[in-house]
Amino acid sequence: GGEYTFLDLWRLDREHEQEVVELEAIRVEVQELKQVADSLATDSAALERLAREQYGLIREGERLYRFVEPDTI
């Protein structure tokens, strides 16, 4: 028991390498999200920009106009 063929070990090595690459990509994404969160927590202009662009929020007294492409109606 516990014996692996060369092919088994090669496959495990390839899987490990792929998981290392995926882990690094996740670490980069987490760092980017931390930077965004920090920006939103400290920069009111960035927070307002996100609210407007992502969620369509407007200030009191403003009007929001949405333009829709004719082929998407």
Protein backbone atom coordinates (compact mmCIF):
# COMPACT_ATOMS: atom_id res chain seq x y z
CA GLY A 1 0.00 0.00 0.00
CA GLY A 2 0.98 3.59 -0.47
CA GLU A 3 2.92 2.97 -3.63
CA TYR A 4 2.61 5.44 -6.46
CA THR A 5 3.64 5.04 -10.04
CA PHE A 6 5.77 7.62 -11.79
CA LEU A 7 2.64 8.76 -13.65
CA ASP A 8 0.75 9.23 -10.36
CA LEU A 9 3.57 11.34 -8.95
CA TRP A 10 3.81 13.38 -12.15
CA ARG A 11 0.06 14.07 -12.06
CA LEU A 12 0.21 15.08 -8.41
CA ASP A 13 3.11 17.41 -9.15
CA ARG A 14 1.20 19.06 -12.02
CA GLU A 15 -1.91 19.44 -9.84
CA HIS A 16 0.20 20.97 -7.08
CA GLU A 17 1.79 23.45 -9.49
CA GLN A 18 -1.65 24.45 -10.81
CA GLU A 19 -2.97 24.94 -7.28
CA VAL A 20 0.04 27.11 -6.41
CA VAL A 21 -0.71 29.30 -9.45
CA GLU A 22 -4.40 29.53 -8.48
CA LEU A 23 -3.49 30.37 -4.89
CA GLU A 24 -1.23 33.21 -6.01
CA ALA A 25 -4.01 34.59 -8.23
CA ILE A 26 -6.37 34.51 -5.25
CA ARG A 27 -3.80 36.28 -3.08
CA VAL A 28 -3.45 39.03 -5.70
CA GLU A 29 -7.24 39.38 -5.90
CA VAL A 30 -7.53 39.59 -2.11
CA GLN A 31 -4.86 42.31 -2.02
CA GLU A 32 -6.68 44.28 -4.72
CA LEU A 33 -9.98 43.97 -2.84
CA LYS A 34 -8.30 45.14 0.37
CA GLN A 35 -7.04 48.21 -1.48
CA VAL A 36 -10.53 48.91 -2.83
CA ALA A 37 -12.04 48.48 0.64
CA ASP A 38 -9.44 50.81 2.13
CA SER A 39 -10.09 53.38 -0.59
CA LEU A 40 -13.84 53.22 0.01
CA ALA A 41 -13.34 53.56 3.76
CA THR A 42 -11.08 56.61 3.48
CA ASP A 43 -12.08 58.37 0.25
CA SER A 44 -15.63 59.70 0.11
CA ALA A 45 -15.28 60.54 -3.59
CA ALA A 46 -14.39 56.92 -4.36
CA LEU A 47 -17.36 55.74 -2.32
CA GLU A 48 -19.70 58.12 -4.15
CA ARG A 49 -18.30 57.04 -7.53
CA LEU A 50 -18.95 53.39 -6.67
CA ALA A 51 -22.48 54.16 -5.47
CA ARG A 52 -23.25 56.04 -8.66
CA GLU A 53 -21.60 53.68 -11.16
CA GLN A 54 -22.39 50.31 -9.63
CA TYR A 55 -25.73 50.95 -7.97
CA GLY A 56 -27.20 53.89 -9.87
CA LEU A 57 -27.59 55.97 -6.72
CA ILE A 58 -28.13 59.70 -7.00
CA ARG A 59 -28.11 62.64 -4.65
CA GLU A 60 -31.31 64.26 -3.47
CA GLY A 61 -32.59 66.62 -6.16
CA GLU A 62 -30.73 64.88 -8.99
CA ARG A 63 -32.33 62.95 -11.83
CA LEU A 64 -30.96 59.76 -13.27
CA TYR A 65 -31.27 59.15 -16.99
CA ARG A 66 -30.59 55.69 -18.34
CA PHE A 67 -29.90 55.24 -22.01
CA VAL A 68 -30.69 51.81 -23.40
CA GLU A 69 -29.44 50.54 -26.73
CA PRO A 70 -32.42 49.90 -29.06
CA ASP A 71 -31.52 46.25 -29.62
CA THR A 72 -31.62 45.49 -25.86
CA ILE A 73 -35.24 46.52 -25.35
